[in-house]
Amino acid sequence: MQRGFLLILASLFIFLWSCGDDSSTNPVKSDVDGTWKGQTIIDKDTARYTCEITSKNGLISGNGDLYGFHKSIKGTSSQTIERHLVDNVDGIFATPDVKIKFVGFSNYHFEGQLSENKMSIEGQLKINYSIIDSGFNFKDTLITYFVTLNKQ
């Protein structure tokens, strides 16, 4: 009788253990996981920013797409150049702060804060430019554009 009881108890233990949550098959989604889109105006032209990201343990990875126009200035002349960047992105998520940068174009990055309803990130798209002035000297310039990314 005691042997049968131990066998039933062992079987029950194995059954309950096998029904436990397995995070490898049921991964926990982060609040920033998904596709985010936004746009801003740069020199009277619309720039669009899209990123598809996931976050695990506060580290962001994914893909980014930035399409817009870039003003090139040399001395007294300037020209507008169409830019389209598609690259991997990485970053950091520590509620509510979100930081994302292009891996191959680290001078393009986004910093913002996740909204309370988790459906938008309000922040700034920051672009570091090197500008050649009229004396052919390089000057590093940081340009900031305000962008709201909306979850798709």
Protein backbone atom coordinates (compact mmCIF):
# COMPACT_ATOMS: atom_id res chain seq x y z
CA MET A 1 0.00 0.00 0.00
CA GLN A 2 2.78 2.40 0.94
CA ARG A 3 4.59 1.59 -2.28
CA GLY A 4 1.48 2.40 -4.34
CA PHE A 5 1.06 5.71 -2.49
CA LEU A 6 4.68 6.70 -3.25
CA LEU A 7 4.21 5.79 -6.92
CA ILE A 8 1.07 7.95 -7.14
CA LEU A 9 2.81 10.81 -5.33
CA ALA A 10 5.83 10.59 -7.66
CA SER A 11 3.56 10.53 -10.73
CA LEU A 12 1.63 13.56 -9.47
CA PHE A 13 4.88 15.44 -8.86
CA ILE A 14 6.15 14.68 -12.39
CA PHE A 15 2.81 15.71 -13.91
CA LEU A 16 2.71 19.03 -12.04
CA TRP A 17 6.35 19.76 -12.84
CA SER A 18 5.77 19.16 -16.57
CA CYS A 19 2.81 21.60 -16.57
CA GLY A 20 4.92 24.51 -15.30
CA ASP A 21 5.46 27.70 -17.33
CA ASP A 22 8.22 27.34 -19.89
CA SER A 23 9.43 30.82 -20.81
CA SER A 24 11.28 29.46 -23.85
CA THR A 25 7.96 28.52 -25.48
CA ASN A 26 5.98 31.41 -23.94
CA PRO A 27 8.37 34.39 -24.03
CA VAL A 28 7.33 37.46 -22.07
CA LYS A 29 6.75 40.41 -24.44
CA SER A 30 8.28 43.74 -23.59
CA ASP A 31 6.22 46.94 -23.79
CA VAL A 32 8.40 48.17 -26.67
CA ASP A 33 8.23 44.99 -28.77
CA GLY A 34 6.66 45.69 -32.16
CA THR A 35 6.68 48.10 -35.08
CA TRP A 36 6.88 51.84 -34.41
CA LYS A 37 6.35 54.63 -36.97
CA GLY A 38 6.66 58.38 -36.86
CA GLN A 39 7.49 61.41 -38.95
CA THR A 40 8.84 64.91 -38.57
CA ILE A 41 9.53 67.94 -40.76
CA ILE A 42 13.15 68.57 -41.75
CA ASP A 43 13.76 71.74 -43.78
CA LYS A 44 10.16 71.77 -45.09
CA ASP A 45 10.38 68.10 -46.09
CA THR A 46 8.82 65.15 -44.28
CA ALA A 47 11.17 62.57 -42.78
CA ARG A 48 9.77 59.15 -41.83
CA TYR A 49 11.22 56.86 -39.18
CA THR A 50 10.15 53.23 -38.73
CA CYS A 51 11.63 50.59 -36.48
CA GLU A 52 10.70 47.03 -35.68
CA ILE A 53 12.20 46.10 -32.34
CA THR A 54 12.22 43.58 -29.52
CA SER A 55 13.60 44.01 -26.04
CA LYS A 56 15.03 41.34 -23.78
CA ASN A 57 16.44 42.18 -20.35
CA GLY A 58 16.42 45.88 -21.29
CA LEU A 59 18.45 45.46 -24.49
CA ILE A 60 16.78 46.47 -27.77
CA SER A 61 17.50 44.90 -31.13
CA GLY A 62 15.77 45.04 -34.49
CA ASN A 63 15.63 46.91 -37.79
CA GLY A 64 15.28 50.60 -38.56
CA ASP A 65 14.34 52.63 -41.61
CA LEU A 66 14.86 56.40 -41.86
CA TYR A 67 13.79 58.22 -45.03
CA GLY A 68 14.18 61.94 -45.47
CA PHE A 69 16.27 64.75 -46.85
CA HIS A 70 19.63 66.08 -45.74
CA LYS A 71 20.88 69.58 -46.47
CA SER A 72 24.53 69.65 -47.52
CA ILE A 73 26.28 73.00 -46.99
CA LYS A 74 29.67 73.88 -48.46
CA GLY A 75 30.74 77.47 -48.04
CA THR A 76 27.86 79.62 -49.31
CA SER A 77 26.15 76.96 -51.43
CA SER A 78 23.77 74.27 -50.24
CA GLN A 79 21.90 71.38 -51.75
CA THR A 80 19.24 68.99 -50.53
CA ILE A 81 20.11 65.30 -50.76
CA GLU A 82 17.62 62.46 -50.44
CA ARG A 83 18.64 59.98 -47.71
CA HIS A 84 17.30 56.49 -47.05
CA LEU A 85 18.95 54.50 -44.26
CA VAL A 86 18.00 50.88 -43.61
CA ASP A 87 20.06 49.13 -40.95
CA ASN A 88 20.01 47.08 -37.78
CA VAL A 89 19.23 49.02 -34.64
CA ASP A 90 20.11 48.42 -31.02
CA GLY A 91 19.49 50.27 -27.82
CA ILE A 92 18.33 50.27 -24.23
CA PHE A 93 14.86 50.16 -22.66
CA ALA A 94 14.46 51.05 -18.98
CA THR A 95 10.84 52.02 -18.37
CA PRO A 96 9.90 54.60 -19.54
CA ASP A 97 13.18 55.57 -21.30
CA VAL A 98 13.91 54.25 -24.79
CA LYS A 99 17.20 54.78 -26.67
CA ILE A 100 17.66 53.42 -30.19
CA LYS A 101 20.56 53.89 -32.61
CA PHE A 102 21.44 52.65 -36.07
CA VAL A 103 24.28 50.13 -35.79
CA GLY A 104 26.08 51.16 -38.99
CA PHE A 105 25.17 54.86 -38.72
CA SER A 106 25.75 55.67 -35.06
CA ASN A 107 25.38 59.42 -35.71
CA TYR A 108 21.61 58.79 -36.12
CA HIS A 109 19.82 57.96 -32.88
CA PHE A 110 16.46 58.33 -31.16
CA GLU A 111 15.76 58.98 -27.48
CA GLY A 112 12.29 59.10 -25.99
CA GLN A 113 9.84 58.04 -23.32
CA LEU A 114 7.16 55.38 -23.58
CA SER A 115 3.68 56.75 -22.90
CA GLU A 116 1.57 55.45 -20.02
CA ASN A 117 -0.77 53.64 -22.44
CA LYS A 118 2.30 51.98 -24.11
CA MET A 119 1.12 53.05 -27.59
CA SER A 120 3.54 55.90 -28.34
CA ILE A 121 7.09 57.02 -27.68
CA GLU A 122 7.64 60.78 -27.64
CA GLY A 123 11.19 61.82 -28.19
CA GLN A 124 13.92 63.29 -30.29
CA LEU A 125 15.63 62.06 -33.43
CA LYS A 126 19.21 63.31 -33.08
CA ILE A 127 21.60 63.53 -36.02
CA ASN A 128 25.28 64.42 -35.71
CA TYR A 129 26.57 66.20 -38.83
CA SER A 130 30.07 67.23 -39.78
CA ILE A 131 29.80 70.54 -41.63
CA ILE A 132 32.54 72.14 -43.73
CA ASP A 133 32.46 75.92 -43.26
CA SER A 134 33.65 78.55 -45.76
CA GLY A 135 37.22 78.14 -44.45
CA PHE A 136 37.01 74.37 -45.14
CA ASN A 137 37.05 73.59 -41.41
CA PHE A 138 35.00 70.67 -40.10
CA LYS A 139 32.46 71.49 -37.43
CA ASP A 140 30.45 68.83 -35.63
CA THR A 141 26.81 69.82 -35.31
CA LEU A 142 23.99 68.08 -33.46
CA ILE A 143 20.54 68.60 -34.98
CA THR A 144 17.46 67.50 -33.04
CA TYR A 145 13.98 66.80 -34.44
CA PHE A 146 10.95 66.07 -32.28
CA VAL A 147 9.19 62.83 -33.24
CA THR A 148 6.33 60.77 -31.83
CA LEU A 149 6.58 57.09 -32.73
CA ASN A 150 3.24 55.27 -32.71
CA LYS A 151 2.86 51.54 -32.19
CA GLN A 152 1.42 49.82 -35.25
